[in-house]
Amino acid sequence: AAPAADFNADAHAEAFLADAILRTRKAYFEHNTPRDFADFDPCHPNIQKNRAQIDRILAWKMGRIGILAAGDTGKGKSRAVYALCKRLLCEQGVDVCIWRAKDFFAELEGFVRFGRDESRDFIMRVAARRVLFMDDFGQEAMQASKQEWARGWFFDLLDRRIGNGLPLLMTTNMTAKELADGTDYRENAFVRRILECAEPVRFA
């Protein structure tokens, strides 16, 4: 039998595809977000001291420069950036790559096999994502002998994103001096790279 005259197969297929994509994005967000961070209440009384910083993060718009949310733990910075990622992913359909720093660097270490460093393809894939969120940078546990190697690859990732005009979202408990490994952060190439793709938002 012929299909009903008012049935639009193309529109039906597009709606089905859009729904599947949305479900995939929601599943990705839920899988990569700590369970107690999935729902965020910016009005919670414990974080009102930093409400201006939180509102600034939640209002972020796509551009070349992302956000470096820095400050002590428990201030709401990670929760705010996860909420931002949820909006970008699930409401605006933006390609967002979410990594907890300890998982990222553990994955990076896994690309050294039998004395061969096969990290480049991994770094290139992550660097090419439209938005990259790196949560809790500086809390990753690495062997001392591999720290300089890992930072070198992260430096390469930053260079690629800067070259392509792509933003970085990052949270850290570290100060600028700690990020610069004790040197003058204004002269430190690593910190300068971060600041080229992420604007500091300091949590008190």
N, C-alpha and C. Protein backbone atom coordinates (compact mmCIF):
# COMPACT_ATOMS: atom_id res chain seq x y z
N ALA A 1 0.85 -1.19 0.00
CA ALA A 1 0.00 0.00 0.00
C ALA A 1 0.88 1.24 0.00
N ALA A 2 0.40 2.27 -0.64
CA ALA A 2 1.15 3.53 -0.69
C ALA A 2 1.15 4.18 0.68
N PRO A 3 2.22 4.87 1.04
CA PRO A 3 2.27 5.54 2.34
C PRO A 3 1.23 6.64 2.43
N ALA A 4 0.81 6.95 3.64
CA ALA A 4 -0.18 8.01 3.84
C ALA A 4 0.36 9.32 3.27
N ALA A 5 -0.53 10.11 2.73
CA ALA A 5 -0.12 11.34 2.05
C ALA A 5 0.55 12.32 3.00
N ASP A 6 0.16 12.29 4.28
CA ASP A 6 0.70 13.28 5.22
C ASP A 6 1.94 12.78 5.95
N PHE A 7 2.46 11.63 5.54
CA PHE A 7 3.66 11.09 6.19
C PHE A 7 4.90 11.54 5.44
N ASN A 8 5.75 12.28 6.10
CA ASN A 8 6.98 12.79 5.49
C ASN A 8 8.14 11.93 5.96
N ALA A 9 8.60 11.02 5.12
CA ALA A 9 9.63 10.07 5.51
C ALA A 9 10.95 10.77 5.85
N ASP A 10 11.31 11.80 5.07
CA ASP A 10 12.56 12.52 5.33
C ASP A 10 12.53 13.22 6.68
N ALA A 11 11.42 13.88 6.98
CA ALA A 11 11.30 14.57 8.27
C ALA A 11 11.32 13.57 9.42
N HIS A 12 10.69 12.44 9.24
CA HIS A 12 10.67 11.41 10.27
C HIS A 12 12.09 10.89 10.52
N ALA A 13 12.82 10.66 9.44
CA ALA A 13 14.19 10.16 9.56
C ALA A 13 15.09 11.19 10.24
N GLU A 14 14.92 12.44 9.88
CA GLU A 14 15.73 13.50 10.49
C GLU A 14 15.44 13.62 11.98
N ALA A 15 14.16 13.51 12.36
CA ALA A 15 13.80 13.60 13.77
C ALA A 15 14.37 12.42 14.54
N PHE A 16 14.32 11.24 13.93
CA PHE A 16 14.87 10.03 14.57
C PHE A 16 16.37 10.18 14.77
N LEU A 17 17.06 10.69 13.74
CA LEU A 17 18.51 10.88 13.82
C LEU A 17 18.87 11.92 14.88
N ALA A 18 18.13 13.02 14.91
CA ALA A 18 18.40 14.07 15.90
C ALA A 18 18.22 13.54 17.32
N ASP A 19 17.19 12.73 17.52
CA ASP A 19 16.94 12.16 18.83
C ASP A 19 18.05 11.19 19.22
N ALA A 20 18.53 10.40 18.26
CA ALA A 20 19.62 9.45 18.53
C ALA A 20 20.91 10.18 18.90
N ILE A 21 21.18 11.27 18.18
CA ILE A 21 22.38 12.06 18.47
C ILE A 21 22.30 12.67 19.86
N LEU A 22 21.12 13.20 20.21
CA LEU A 22 20.94 13.80 21.53
C LEU A 22 21.13 12.76 22.63
N ARG A 23 20.57 11.57 22.44
CA ARG A 23 20.72 10.51 23.43
C ARG A 23 22.18 10.09 23.57
N THR A 24 22.89 10.07 22.46
CA THR A 24 24.32 9.73 22.49
C THR A 24 25.11 10.78 23.25
N ARG A 25 24.79 12.06 23.02
CA ARG A 25 25.49 13.14 23.72
C ARG A 25 25.20 13.11 25.22
N LYS A 26 23.95 12.86 25.58
CA LYS A 26 23.60 12.77 27.00
C LYS A 26 24.31 11.60 27.66
N ALA A 27 24.38 10.47 26.97
CA ALA A 27 25.06 9.29 27.51
C ALA A 27 26.55 9.58 27.69
N TYR A 28 27.15 10.29 26.73
CA TYR A 28 28.57 10.65 26.84
C TYR A 28 28.80 11.54 28.06
N PHE A 29 27.94 12.54 28.22
CA PHE A 29 28.08 13.45 29.36
C PHE A 29 27.96 12.68 30.68
N GLU A 30 26.95 11.84 30.79
CA GLU A 30 26.73 11.09 32.03
C GLU A 30 27.89 10.15 32.33
N HIS A 31 28.44 9.54 31.28
CA HIS A 31 29.54 8.59 31.47
C HIS A 31 30.81 9.30 31.92
N ASN A 32 31.01 10.54 31.50
CA ASN A 32 32.26 11.25 31.78
C ASN A 32 32.14 12.30 32.87
N THR A 33 31.02 12.30 33.59
CA THR A 33 30.79 13.28 34.64
C THR A 33 30.61 12.58 35.98
N PRO A 34 31.33 13.00 37.01
CA PRO A 34 31.09 12.41 38.34
C PRO A 34 29.62 12.51 38.70
N ARG A 35 29.09 11.45 39.28
CA ARG A 35 27.64 11.37 39.50
C ARG A 35 27.10 12.56 40.27
N ASP A 36 27.82 13.02 41.31
CA ASP A 36 27.29 14.13 42.11
C ASP A 36 27.53 15.48 41.44
N PHE A 37 28.15 15.50 40.23
CA PHE A 37 28.33 16.74 39.49
C PHE A 37 27.32 16.87 38.36
N ALA A 38 26.55 15.81 38.09
CA ALA A 38 25.67 15.79 36.92
C ALA A 38 24.59 16.88 36.99
N ASP A 39 24.08 17.12 38.18
CA ASP A 39 23.09 18.18 38.37
C ASP A 39 23.70 19.27 39.23
N PHE A 40 23.59 20.50 38.79
CA PHE A 40 24.27 21.61 39.45
C PHE A 40 23.28 22.69 39.81
N ASP A 41 23.32 23.11 41.06
CA ASP A 41 22.46 24.19 41.54
C ASP A 41 23.32 25.41 41.84
N PRO A 42 23.35 26.39 40.95
CA PRO A 42 24.19 27.58 41.19
C PRO A 42 23.71 28.42 42.36
N CYS A 43 22.52 28.12 42.88
CA CYS A 43 22.00 28.88 44.02
C CYS A 43 22.32 28.21 45.36
N HIS A 44 23.06 27.13 45.34
CA HIS A 44 23.39 26.45 46.59
C HIS A 44 24.14 27.42 47.52
N PRO A 45 23.74 27.50 48.78
CA PRO A 45 24.34 28.50 49.67
C PRO A 45 25.85 28.35 49.88
N ASN A 46 26.37 27.14 49.72
CA ASN A 46 27.80 26.92 49.98
C ASN A 46 28.72 27.54 48.94
N ILE A 47 28.19 27.93 47.80
CA ILE A 47 29.05 28.43 46.73
C ILE A 47 28.75 29.88 46.35
N GLN A 48 27.94 30.57 47.15
CA GLN A 48 27.55 31.94 46.79
C GLN A 48 28.70 32.93 46.85
N LYS A 49 29.74 32.61 47.60
CA LYS A 49 30.91 33.49 47.66
C LYS A 49 31.53 33.65 46.27
N ASN A 50 31.39 32.61 45.45
CA ASN A 50 31.96 32.63 44.09
C ASN A 50 30.87 32.68 43.02
N ARG A 51 29.73 33.24 43.36
CA ARG A 51 28.61 33.23 42.41
C ARG A 51 28.95 34.00 41.13
N ALA A 52 29.67 35.10 41.26
CA ALA A 52 30.02 35.88 40.07
C ALA A 52 30.90 35.05 39.13
N GLN A 53 31.85 34.30 39.70
CA GLN A 53 32.72 33.46 38.88
C GLN A 53 31.92 32.34 38.22
N ILE A 54 30.98 31.76 38.98
CA ILE A 54 30.15 30.68 38.44
C ILE A 54 29.27 31.19 37.30
N ASP A 55 28.65 32.35 37.49
CA ASP A 55 27.81 32.92 36.45
C ASP A 55 28.62 33.23 35.19
N ARG A 56 29.85 33.66 35.39
CA ARG A 56 30.73 33.95 34.25
C ARG A 56 31.01 32.69 33.45
N ILE A 57 31.22 31.58 34.15
CA ILE A 57 31.46 30.30 33.47
C ILE A 57 30.21 29.83 32.75
N LEU A 58 29.08 29.88 33.43
CA LEU A 58 27.83 29.39 32.84
C LEU A 58 27.42 30.20 31.61
N ALA A 59 27.85 31.45 31.55
CA ALA A 59 27.48 32.33 30.44
C ALA A 59 28.48 32.29 29.28
N TRP A 60 29.51 31.46 29.40
CA TRP A 60 30.56 31.42 28.37
C TRP A 60 29.98 31.10 27.00
N LYS A 61 30.48 31.81 25.99
CA LYS A 61 30.07 31.60 24.60
C LYS A 61 31.25 31.06 23.80
N MET A 62 30.93 30.34 22.74
CA MET A 62 31.97 29.76 21.90
C MET A 62 32.89 30.83 21.34
N GLY A 63 34.18 30.54 21.37
CA GLY A 63 35.17 31.45 20.84
C GLY A 63 36.54 30.81 20.93
N ARG A 64 37.57 31.58 20.63
CA ARG A 64 38.94 31.05 20.66
C ARG A 64 39.45 30.86 22.08
N ILE A 65 38.93 31.64 23.03
CA ILE A 65 39.45 31.64 24.39
C ILE A 65 38.45 30.97 25.32
N GLY A 66 38.92 29.96 26.05
CA GLY A 66 38.07 29.25 27.00
C GLY A 66 38.21 29.79 28.40
N ILE A 67 38.26 28.89 29.37
CA ILE A 67 38.25 29.27 30.78
C ILE A 67 39.26 28.44 31.56
N LEU A 68 40.04 29.11 32.39
CA LEU A 68 40.91 28.44 33.35
C LEU A 68 40.36 28.77 34.73
N ALA A 69 39.58 27.85 35.30
CA ALA A 69 38.97 28.05 36.61
C ALA A 69 39.94 27.52 37.67
N ALA A 70 40.46 28.41 38.50
CA ALA A 70 41.49 28.05 39.47
C ALA A 70 41.08 28.44 40.87
N GLY A 71 41.45 27.60 41.84
CA GLY A 71 41.14 27.88 43.23
C GLY A 71 41.07 26.60 44.02
N ASP A 72 40.89 26.74 45.32
CA ASP A 72 40.83 25.58 46.20
C ASP A 72 39.64 24.69 45.87
N THR A 73 39.73 23.44 46.29
CA THR A 73 38.66 22.49 46.06
C THR A 73 37.40 22.87 46.83
N GLY A 74 36.25 22.45 46.34
CA GLY A 74 35.00 22.68 47.04
C GLY A 74 34.36 24.04 46.82
N LYS A 75 34.85 24.79 45.83
CA LYS A 75 34.33 26.14 45.58
C LYS A 75 33.28 26.18 44.47
N GLY A 76 33.11 25.07 43.76
CA GLY A 76 32.10 25.02 42.71
C GLY A 76 32.62 25.16 41.30
N LYS A 77 33.95 25.24 41.13
CA LYS A 77 34.49 25.50 39.80
C LYS A 77 34.27 24.32 38.85
N SER A 78 34.54 23.09 39.30
CA SER A 78 34.34 21.94 38.42
C SER A 78 32.86 21.74 38.11
N ARG A 79 32.01 21.89 39.12
CA ARG A 79 30.57 21.72 38.91
C ARG A 79 30.06 22.71 37.86
N ALA A 80 30.56 23.94 37.93
CA ALA A 80 30.12 24.96 36.98
C ALA A 80 30.56 24.62 35.56
N VAL A 81 31.79 24.13 35.40
CA VAL A 81 32.27 23.82 34.05
C VAL A 81 31.57 22.58 33.50
N TYR A 82 31.28 21.60 34.36
CA TYR A 82 30.50 20.45 33.88
C TYR A 82 29.11 20.90 33.43
N ALA A 83 28.51 21.84 34.17
CA ALA A 83 27.20 22.36 33.77
C ALA A 83 27.29 23.07 32.42
N LEU A 84 28.37 23.81 32.21
CA LEU A 84 28.60 24.46 30.92
C LEU A 84 28.71 23.42 29.81
N CYS A 85 29.47 22.35 30.07
CA CYS A 85 29.64 21.30 29.07
C CYS A 85 28.30 20.63 28.74
N LYS A 86 27.45 20.47 29.75
CA LYS A 86 26.13 19.89 29.51
C LYS A 86 25.32 20.76 28.57
N ARG A 87 25.38 22.08 28.78
CA ARG A 87 24.66 22.98 27.87
C ARG A 87 25.20 22.89 26.45
N LEU A 88 26.53 22.92 26.33
CA LEU A 88 27.14 22.89 25.00
C LEU A 88 26.81 21.59 24.28
N LEU A 89 26.92 20.48 24.99
CA LEU A 89 26.69 19.17 24.38
C LEU A 89 25.22 18.91 24.08
N CYS A 90 24.39 19.06 25.09
CA CYS A 90 23.02 18.56 25.02
C CYS A 90 22.01 19.58 24.52
N GLU A 91 22.34 20.86 24.63
CA GLU A 91 21.40 21.88 24.17
C GLU A 91 21.84 22.53 22.86
N GLN A 92 23.16 22.67 22.69
CA GLN A 92 23.66 23.38 21.52
C GLN A 92 24.32 22.45 20.49
N GLY A 93 24.50 21.19 20.85
CA GLY A 93 25.07 20.24 19.90
C GLY A 93 26.52 20.48 19.56
N VAL A 94 27.28 21.08 20.48
CA VAL A 94 28.69 21.35 20.25
C VAL A 94 29.52 20.09 20.57
N ASP A 95 30.55 19.85 19.77
CA ASP A 95 31.46 18.75 20.03
C ASP A 95 32.33 19.09 21.24
N VAL A 96 32.14 18.38 22.34
CA VAL A 96 32.88 18.62 23.57
C VAL A 96 33.60 17.33 23.99
N CYS A 97 34.86 17.46 24.30
CA CYS A 97 35.67 16.33 24.77
C CYS A 97 35.97 16.56 26.25
N ILE A 98 35.53 15.65 27.11
CA ILE A 98 35.68 15.78 28.56
C ILE A 98 36.72 14.79 29.07
N TRP A 99 37.71 15.31 29.76
CA TRP A 99 38.72 14.45 30.39
C TRP A 99 38.95 14.89 31.83
N ARG A 100 39.00 13.94 32.74
CA ARG A 100 39.59 14.22 34.05
C ARG A 100 41.09 14.05 33.86
N ALA A 101 41.87 14.99 34.36
CA ALA A 101 43.30 15.02 34.06
C ALA A 101 43.99 13.70 34.38
N LYS A 102 43.64 13.09 35.51
CA LYS A 102 44.31 11.84 35.88
C LYS A 102 44.03 10.74 34.86
N ASP A 103 42.83 10.73 34.27
CA ASP A 103 42.50 9.73 33.25
C ASP A 103 43.20 10.04 31.93
N PHE A 104 43.29 11.33 31.60
CA PHE A 104 43.96 11.72 30.36
C PHE A 104 45.42 11.28 30.37
N PHE A 105 46.12 11.59 31.47
CA PHE A 105 47.55 11.27 31.51
C PHE A 105 47.79 9.77 31.68
N ALA A 106 46.87 9.07 32.31
CA ALA A 106 46.98 7.61 32.37
C ALA A 106 46.83 7.02 30.97
N GLU A 107 45.88 7.56 30.20
CA GLU A 107 45.69 7.12 28.81
C GLU A 107 46.93 7.44 27.98
N LEU A 108 47.48 8.62 28.19
CA LEU A 108 48.68 9.03 27.44
C LEU A 108 49.84 8.08 27.72
N GLU A 109 50.04 7.73 28.98
CA GLU A 109 51.12 6.80 29.33
C GLU A 109 50.97 5.46 28.64
N GLY A 110 49.72 5.06 28.39
CA GLY A 110 49.47 3.77 27.78
C GLY A 110 49.93 3.69 26.33
N PHE A 111 50.27 4.82 25.73
CA PHE A 111 50.73 4.81 24.35
C PHE A 111 52.24 4.63 24.23
N VAL A 112 52.91 4.41 25.35
CA VAL A 112 54.31 4.03 25.31
C VAL A 112 54.36 2.51 25.43
N ARG A 113 54.66 1.86 24.31
CA ARG A 113 54.61 0.41 24.26
C ARG A 113 55.96 -0.13 23.79
N PHE A 114 56.52 -1.01 24.61
CA PHE A 114 57.77 -1.69 24.25
C PHE A 114 58.86 -0.68 23.86
N GLY A 115 58.89 0.42 24.61
CA GLY A 115 59.90 1.44 24.36
C GLY A 115 59.58 2.39 23.23
N ARG A 116 58.43 2.22 22.58
CA ARG A 116 58.02 3.10 21.47
C ARG A 116 56.96 4.09 21.94
N ASP A 117 57.17 5.36 21.62
CA ASP A 117 56.22 6.40 21.99
C ASP A 117 55.22 6.58 20.84
N GLU A 118 53.98 6.12 21.04
CA GLU A 118 52.96 6.17 20.01
C GLU A 118 51.84 7.16 20.39
N SER A 119 52.22 8.24 21.06
CA SER A 119 51.25 9.18 21.62
C SER A 119 50.70 10.18 20.61
N ARG A 120 51.40 10.39 19.49
CA ARG A 120 51.07 11.50 18.61
C ARG A 120 49.63 11.44 18.08
N ASP A 121 49.18 10.30 17.62
CA ASP A 121 47.82 10.21 17.08
C ASP A 121 46.78 10.53 18.14
N PHE A 122 47.01 10.07 19.37
CA PHE A 122 46.09 10.36 20.48
C PHE A 122 46.04 11.86 20.74
N ILE A 123 47.19 12.49 20.82
CA ILE A 123 47.25 13.93 21.06
C ILE A 123 46.57 14.71 19.92
N MET A 124 46.79 14.28 18.70
CA MET A 124 46.18 14.96 17.55
C MET A 124 44.66 14.83 17.57
N ARG A 125 44.15 13.65 17.97
CA ARG A 125 42.69 13.47 18.03
C ARG A 125 42.07 14.36 19.09
N VAL A 126 42.68 14.40 20.27
CA VAL A 126 42.14 15.23 21.35
C VAL A 126 42.26 16.71 21.01
N ALA A 127 43.40 17.09 20.44
CA ALA A 127 43.63 18.50 20.10
C ALA A 127 42.64 19.03 19.08
N ALA A 128 42.09 18.15 18.25
CA ALA A 128 41.20 18.58 17.17
C ALA A 128 39.75 18.76 17.60
N ARG A 129 39.39 18.33 18.80
CA ARG A 129 38.00 18.44 19.25
C ARG A 129 37.62 19.91 19.42
N ARG A 130 36.35 20.21 19.14
CA ARG A 130 35.92 21.62 19.13
C ARG A 130 36.11 22.30 20.48
N VAL A 131 35.71 21.64 21.54
CA VAL A 131 35.92 22.14 22.90
C VAL A 131 36.57 21.03 23.71
N LEU A 132 37.63 21.36 24.42
CA LEU A 132 38.30 20.39 25.29
C LEU A 132 38.18 20.86 26.73
N PHE A 133 37.66 19.98 27.59
CA PHE A 133 37.58 20.26 29.03
C PHE A 133 38.51 19.32 29.76
N MET A 134 39.47 19.90 30.48
CA MET A 134 40.43 19.14 31.29
C MET A 134 40.16 19.48 32.75
N ASP A 135 39.60 18.53 33.50
CA ASP A 135 39.21 18.77 34.88
C ASP A 135 40.30 18.35 35.85
N ASP A 136 40.51 19.19 36.85
CA ASP A 136 41.43 18.88 37.96
C ASP A 136 42.87 18.70 37.50
N PHE A 137 43.32 19.59 36.63
CA PHE A 137 44.70 19.53 36.15
C PHE A 137 45.66 19.74 37.32
N GLY A 138 46.70 18.93 37.36
CA GLY A 138 47.69 19.02 38.43
C GLY A 138 47.52 17.98 39.50
N GLN A 139 46.39 17.25 39.47
CA GLN A 139 46.15 16.21 40.48
C GLN A 139 46.48 14.82 39.96
N GLU A 140 46.94 14.74 38.71
CA GLU A 140 47.28 13.45 38.14
C GLU A 140 48.54 12.89 38.81
N ALA A 141 48.56 11.60 39.02
CA ALA A 141 49.71 10.93 39.64
C ALA A 141 50.56 10.31 38.54
N MET A 142 51.82 10.75 38.45
CA MET A 142 52.71 10.22 37.43
C MET A 142 54.09 9.97 38.03
N GLN A 143 54.78 9.02 37.45
CA GLN A 143 56.16 8.80 37.87
C GLN A 143 56.98 10.06 37.57
N ALA A 144 57.90 10.38 38.48
CA ALA A 144 58.70 11.60 38.32
C ALA A 144 59.45 11.60 36.98
N SER A 145 59.88 10.42 36.55
CA SER A 145 60.65 10.33 35.31
C SER A 145 59.82 10.64 34.07
N LYS A 146 58.48 10.59 34.20
CA LYS A 146 57.61 10.81 33.04
C LYS A 146 56.92 12.16 33.05
N GLN A 147 57.10 12.94 34.10
CA GLN A 147 56.39 14.20 34.20
C GLN A 147 56.78 15.18 33.09
N GLU A 148 58.08 15.31 32.85
CA GLU A 148 58.53 16.23 31.80
C GLU A 148 58.05 15.75 30.43
N TRP A 149 58.09 14.44 30.20
CA TRP A 149 57.61 13.86 28.93
C TRP A 149 56.13 14.16 28.73
N ALA A 150 55.31 13.96 29.77
CA ALA A 150 53.87 14.18 29.67
C ALA A 150 53.57 15.66 29.45
N ARG A 151 54.28 16.52 30.15
CA ARG A 151 54.05 17.95 29.98
C ARG A 151 54.42 18.37 28.57
N GLY A 152 55.45 17.76 28.01
CA GLY A 152 55.84 18.06 26.64
C GLY A 152 54.72 17.74 25.65
N TRP A 153 54.06 16.60 25.84
CA TRP A 153 52.95 16.24 24.96
C TRP A 153 51.76 17.17 25.18
N PHE A 154 51.51 17.57 26.41
CA PHE A 154 50.41 18.50 26.67
C PHE A 154 50.71 19.86 26.07
N PHE A 155 51.96 20.25 26.10
CA PHE A 155 52.39 21.50 25.46
C PHE A 155 52.10 21.41 23.97
N ASP A 156 52.38 20.27 23.36
CA ASP A 156 52.10 20.06 21.94
C ASP A 156 50.61 20.17 21.66
N LEU A 157 49.80 19.58 22.55
CA LEU A 157 48.33 19.65 22.41
C LEU A 157 47.88 21.11 22.44
N LEU A 158 48.41 21.89 23.38
CA LEU A 158 48.04 23.30 23.48
C LEU A 158 48.42 24.06 22.21
N ASP A 159 49.62 23.80 21.70
CA ASP A 159 50.07 24.46 20.48
C ASP A 159 49.12 24.19 19.32
N ARG A 160 48.67 22.95 19.20
CA ARG A 160 47.76 22.58 18.11
C ARG A 160 46.42 23.31 18.25
N ARG A 161 45.91 23.39 19.47
CA ARG A 161 44.63 24.06 19.68
C ARG A 161 44.76 25.57 19.42
N ILE A 162 45.84 26.16 19.87
CA ILE A 162 46.05 27.59 19.62
C ILE A 162 46.13 27.85 18.12
N GLY A 163 46.86 26.98 17.42
CA GLY A 163 47.01 27.15 15.98
C GLY A 163 45.70 27.05 15.23
N ASN A 164 44.76 26.28 15.77
CA ASN A 164 43.46 26.09 15.12
C ASN A 164 42.36 26.96 15.74
N GLY A 165 42.72 27.84 16.66
CA GLY A 165 41.74 28.74 17.27
C GLY A 165 40.70 28.03 18.10
N LEU A 166 41.12 26.98 18.82
CA LEU A 166 40.18 26.19 19.61
C LEU A 166 40.37 26.47 21.11
N PRO A 167 39.27 26.58 21.85
CA PRO A 167 39.36 26.95 23.28
C PRO A 167 39.66 25.75 24.18
N LEU A 168 40.14 26.06 25.37
CA LEU A 168 40.39 25.08 26.42
C LEU A 168 39.57 25.46 27.65
N LEU A 169 38.87 24.49 28.20
CA LEU A 169 38.25 24.64 29.51
C LEU A 169 39.07 23.82 30.48
N MET A 170 39.50 24.43 31.57
CA MET A 170 40.36 23.71 32.52
C MET A 170 40.03 24.13 33.94
N THR A 171 40.05 23.17 34.86
CA THR A 171 39.98 23.50 36.28
C THR A 171 41.26 23.00 36.94
N THR A 172 41.70 23.73 37.95
CA THR A 172 42.90 23.34 38.67
C THR A 172 42.88 23.92 40.08
N ASN A 173 43.51 23.22 40.99
CA ASN A 173 43.71 23.74 42.35
C ASN A 173 45.05 24.45 42.46
N MET A 174 45.81 24.45 41.39
CA MET A 174 47.16 24.99 41.41
C MET A 174 47.17 26.50 41.21
N THR A 175 48.16 27.15 41.79
CA THR A 175 48.38 28.58 41.55
C THR A 175 49.17 28.74 40.26
N ALA A 176 49.24 29.98 39.76
CA ALA A 176 50.02 30.25 38.55
C ALA A 176 51.48 29.84 38.75
N LYS A 177 52.01 30.10 39.95
CA LYS A 177 53.40 29.75 40.22
C LYS A 177 53.59 28.24 40.19
N GLU A 178 52.63 27.51 40.73
CA GLU A 178 52.73 26.05 40.72
C GLU A 178 52.60 25.51 39.30
N LEU A 179 51.71 26.08 38.51
CA LEU A 179 51.60 25.67 37.11
C LEU A 179 52.91 25.91 36.36
N ALA A 180 53.61 26.97 36.76
CA ALA A 180 54.88 27.31 36.12
C ALA A 180 56.05 26.54 36.72
N ASP A 181 55.73 25.59 37.60
CA ASP A 181 56.77 24.76 38.22
C ASP A 181 57.79 25.60 38.99
N GLY A 182 57.26 26.62 39.70
CA GLY A 182 58.11 27.41 40.58
C GLY A 182 58.80 28.59 39.91
N THR A 183 58.72 28.69 38.58
CA THR A 183 59.37 29.80 37.90
C THR A 183 58.39 30.98 37.76
N ASP A 184 58.86 32.06 37.20
CA ASP A 184 58.01 33.22 36.97
C ASP A 184 56.98 32.86 35.90
N TYR A 185 55.71 32.80 36.31
CA TYR A 185 54.69 32.34 35.36
C TYR A 185 54.56 33.26 34.16
N ARG A 186 54.94 34.54 34.32
CA ARG A 186 54.85 35.47 33.20
C ARG A 186 55.86 35.16 32.11
N GLU A 187 56.91 34.43 32.50
CA GLU A 187 57.95 34.06 31.54
C GLU A 187 57.89 32.58 31.18
N ASN A 188 56.99 31.84 31.80
CA ASN A 188 56.93 30.39 31.58
C ASN A 188 56.13 30.08 30.32
N ALA A 189 56.75 29.38 29.37
CA ALA A 189 56.11 29.12 28.07
C ALA A 189 54.87 28.25 28.23
N PHE A 190 54.88 27.31 29.17
CA PHE A 190 53.74 26.41 29.36
C PHE A 190 52.51 27.19 29.83
N VAL A 191 52.69 28.05 30.82
CA VAL A 191 51.58 28.85 31.33
C VAL A 191 51.10 29.84 30.28
N ARG A 192 52.03 30.43 29.54
CA ARG A 192 51.63 31.35 28.47
C ARG A 192 50.77 30.65 27.44
N ARG A 193 51.09 29.39 27.13
CA ARG A 193 50.28 28.62 26.17
C ARG A 193 48.86 28.42 26.71
N ILE A 194 48.76 28.07 27.98
CA ILE A 194 47.43 27.88 28.58
C ILE A 194 46.61 29.16 28.48
N LEU A 195 47.27 30.28 28.79
CA LEU A 195 46.56 31.56 28.81
C LEU A 195 46.22 32.07 27.41
N GLU A 196 46.82 31.48 26.38
CA GLU A 196 46.46 31.84 25.01
C GLU A 196 45.14 31.21 24.58
N CYS A 197 44.71 30.16 25.31
CA CYS A 197 43.44 29.53 24.92
C CYS A 197 42.48 29.40 26.11
N ALA A 198 42.80 30.02 27.25
CA ALA A 198 41.91 29.97 28.41
C ALA A 198 42.11 31.22 29.27
N GLU A 199 41.03 31.90 29.57
CA GLU A 199 41.08 33.11 30.40
C GLU A 199 40.90 32.73 31.87
N PRO A 200 41.75 33.21 32.76
CA PRO A 200 41.66 32.83 34.18
C PRO A 200 40.38 33.33 34.85
N VAL A 201 39.77 32.46 35.63
CA VAL A 201 38.66 32.81 36.51
C VAL A 201 39.04 32.29 37.89
N ARG A 202 39.36 33.20 38.78
CA ARG A 202 39.90 32.83 40.09
C ARG A 202 38.78 32.66 41.11
N PHE A 203 38.75 31.48 41.75
CA PHE A 203 37.79 31.20 42.82
C PHE A 203 38.45 31.46 44.17
N ALA A 204 37.76 32.21 45.03
CA ALA A 204 38.31 32.59 46.32
C ALA A 204 38.00 31.53 47.38
